C-alpha atoms as a PDB file:
ATOM      1  CA  MET A   1      -1.247   3.904 -14.004  1.00  0.00           C
ATOM      2  CA  SER A   2      -3.385   1.868 -11.580  1.00  0.00           C
ATOM      3  CA  GLU A   3      -2.145  -1.451 -12.964  1.00  0.00           C
ATOM      4  CA  GLN A   4       1.473  -0.387 -12.370  1.00  0.00           C
ATOM      5  CA  ILE A   5       0.613   0.844  -8.864  1.00  0.00           C
ATOM      6  CA  TYR A   6      -1.105  -2.449  -7.974  1.00  0.00           C
ATOM      7  CA  SER A   7       1.846  -4.383  -9.384  1.00  0.00           C
ATOM      8  CA  GLU A   8       4.299  -2.476  -7.203  1.00  0.00           C
ATOM      9  CA  LEU A   9       2.022  -2.654  -4.167  1.00  0.00           C
ATOM     10  CA  THR A  10       1.678  -6.406  -4.600  1.00  0.00           C
ATOM     11  CA  ARG A  11       5.464  -6.731  -4.699  1.00  0.00           C
ATOM     12  CA  ILE A  12       5.782  -4.582  -1.540  1.00  0.00           C
ATOM     13  CA  PHE A  13       3.073  -6.475   0.367  1.00  0.00           C
ATOM     14  CA  ARG A  14       4.473  -9.881  -0.630  1.00  0.00           C
ATOM     15  CA  ASP A  15       7.956  -8.839   0.459  1.00  0.00           C
ATOM     16  CA  VAL A  16       6.956  -7.219   3.773  1.00  0.00           C
ATOM     17  CA  LEU A  17       4.423  -9.892   4.742  1.00  0.00           C
ATOM     18  CA  ASP A  18       6.506 -12.779   3.366  1.00  0.00           C
ATOM     19  CA  ARG A  19       3.512 -14.026   1.372  1.00  0.00           C
ATOM     20  CA  ASP A  20       4.403 -14.964  -2.211  1.00  0.00           C
ATOM     21  CA  ASP A  21       0.798 -16.075  -2.811  1.00  0.00           C
ATOM     22  CA  LEU A  22      -0.753 -12.734  -1.820  1.00  0.00           C
ATOM     23  CA  GLU A  23      -3.140 -11.225  -4.377  1.00  0.00           C
ATOM     24  CA  LEU A  24      -4.223  -7.623  -3.790  1.00  0.00           C
ATOM     25  CA  HIS A  25      -7.497  -6.092  -4.917  1.00  0.00           C
ATOM     26  CA  PRO A  26      -9.073  -2.736  -4.020  1.00  0.00           C
ATOM     27  CA  MET A  27     -11.206  -3.989  -1.119  1.00  0.00           C
ATOM     28  CA  VAL A  28      -8.387  -5.789   0.774  1.00  0.00           C
ATOM     29  CA  THR A  29      -7.907  -4.559   4.341  1.00  0.00           C
ATOM     30  CA  ALA A  30      -5.538  -5.455   7.182  1.00  0.00           C
ATOM     31  CA  GLU A  31      -8.325  -7.567   8.637  1.00  0.00           C
ATOM     32  CA  ASP A  32      -8.124  -9.821   5.555  1.00  0.00           C
ATOM     33  CA  ILE A  33      -4.423 -10.624   6.026  1.00  0.00           C
ATOM     34  CA  PRO A  34      -3.329 -12.048   9.407  1.00  0.00           C
ATOM     35  CA  GLU A  35       0.321 -11.028   8.865  1.00  0.00           C
ATOM     36  CA  TRP A  36      -0.662  -7.357   8.360  1.00  0.00           C
ATOM     37  CA  ASP A  37      -0.130  -6.065  11.874  1.00  0.00           C
ATOM     38  CA  SER A  38       0.939  -2.550  13.017  1.00  0.00           C
ATOM     39  CA  PHE A  39       4.636  -3.327  12.564  1.00  0.00           C
ATOM     40  CA  ALA A  40       4.057  -4.643   9.047  1.00  0.00           C
ATOM     41  CA  HIS A  41       1.879  -1.613   8.326  1.00  0.00           C
ATOM     42  CA  VAL A  42       4.736   0.779   9.087  1.00  0.00           C
ATOM     43  CA  ASN A  43       7.074  -1.246   6.872  1.00  0.00           C
ATOM     44  CA  ILE A  44       4.513  -1.281   4.034  1.00  0.00           C
ATOM     45  CA  ILE A  45       4.086   2.495   4.208  1.00  0.00           C
ATOM     46  CA  VAL A  46       7.850   3.159   4.314  1.00  0.00           C
ATOM     47  CA  ALA A  47       8.501   0.786   1.417  1.00  0.00           C
ATOM     48  CA  THR A  48       5.638   2.401  -0.559  1.00  0.00           C
ATOM     49  CA  GLU A  49       7.054   5.865   0.004  1.00  0.00           C
ATOM     50  CA  MET A  50      10.511   4.764  -1.087  1.00  0.00           C
ATOM     51  CA  THR A  51       9.252   2.841  -4.138  1.00  0.00           C
ATOM     52  CA  PHE A  52       7.066   5.650  -5.461  1.00  0.00           C
ATOM     53  CA  GLY A  53       9.199   8.564  -4.250  1.00  0.00           C
ATOM     54  CA  ILE A  54       6.343  10.119  -2.292  1.00  0.00           C
ATOM     55  CA  LYS A  55       5.587  11.047   1.315  1.00  0.00           C
ATOM     56  CA  PHE A  56       2.343  10.469   3.172  1.00  0.00           C
ATOM     57  CA  MET A  57       0.881  12.741   5.804  1.00  0.00           C
ATOM     58  CA  THR A  58      -0.402  11.010   8.952  1.00  0.00           C
ATOM     59  CA  ALA A  59      -3.901  12.381   8.348  1.00  0.00           C
ATOM     60  CA  GLU A  60      -3.932  10.873   4.852  1.00  0.00           C
ATOM     61  CA  LEU A  61      -3.016   7.453   6.181  1.00  0.00           C
ATOM     62  CA  GLU A  62      -5.612   7.600   8.955  1.00  0.00           C
ATOM     63  CA  ARG A  63      -8.381   8.055   6.367  1.00  0.00           C
ATOM     64  CA  LEU A  64      -7.412   4.989   4.319  1.00  0.00           C
ATOM     65  CA  ARG A  65      -9.792   2.033   4.633  1.00  0.00           C
ATOM     66  CA  ASN A  66      -8.425  -0.438   2.061  1.00  0.00           C
ATOM     67  CA  VAL A  67      -5.781  -1.074  -0.573  1.00  0.00           C
ATOM     68  CA  GLY A  68      -7.874   0.635  -3.248  1.00  0.00           C
ATOM     69  CA  GLU A  69      -7.838   3.888  -1.308  1.00  0.00           C
ATOM     70  CA  LEU A  70      -4.064   3.560  -0.848  1.00  0.00           C
ATOM     71  CA  ALA A  71      -3.625   3.050  -4.600  1.00  0.00           C
ATOM     72  CA  SER A  72      -5.806   6.098  -5.323  1.00  0.00           C
ATOM     73  CA  LEU A  73      -3.787   8.233  -2.926  1.00  0.00           C
ATOM     74  CA  ILE A  74      -0.526   7.116  -4.547  1.00  0.00           C
ATOM     75  CA  GLU A  75      -1.957   7.938  -7.991  1.00  0.00           C
ATOM     76  CA  ARG A  76      -3.010  11.439  -6.842  1.00  0.00           C
ATOM     77  CA  LYS A  77       0.409  12.123  -5.329  1.00  0.00           C
ATOM     78  CA  LEU A  78       2.209  10.968  -8.450  1.00  0.00           C
ATOM     79  CA  ALA A  79      -0.028  13.144 -10.630  1.00  0.00           C
ATOM     80  CA  ARG A  80       0.860  16.192  -8.523  1.00  0.00           C
ATOM     81  CA  GLY A  81       4.547  15.481  -8.986  1.00  0.00           C
END
């Protein structure tokens, strides 16, 4: 499942940030990508929710520290149905 999640997240990030060369890995943070500002963050979250058919709670998002934690949260939500 994680490979598929990372594939979709990479597509979302590349689209939102307009960076076709972007490669995601678990430890990537907003500090690593100059284009990842607060506006882009909102767009990434909305696109992720739409792509995976899930909804995030604000508290869940506030605890996330990197892309790996986002991928893990998506996987948990998908497993719950």
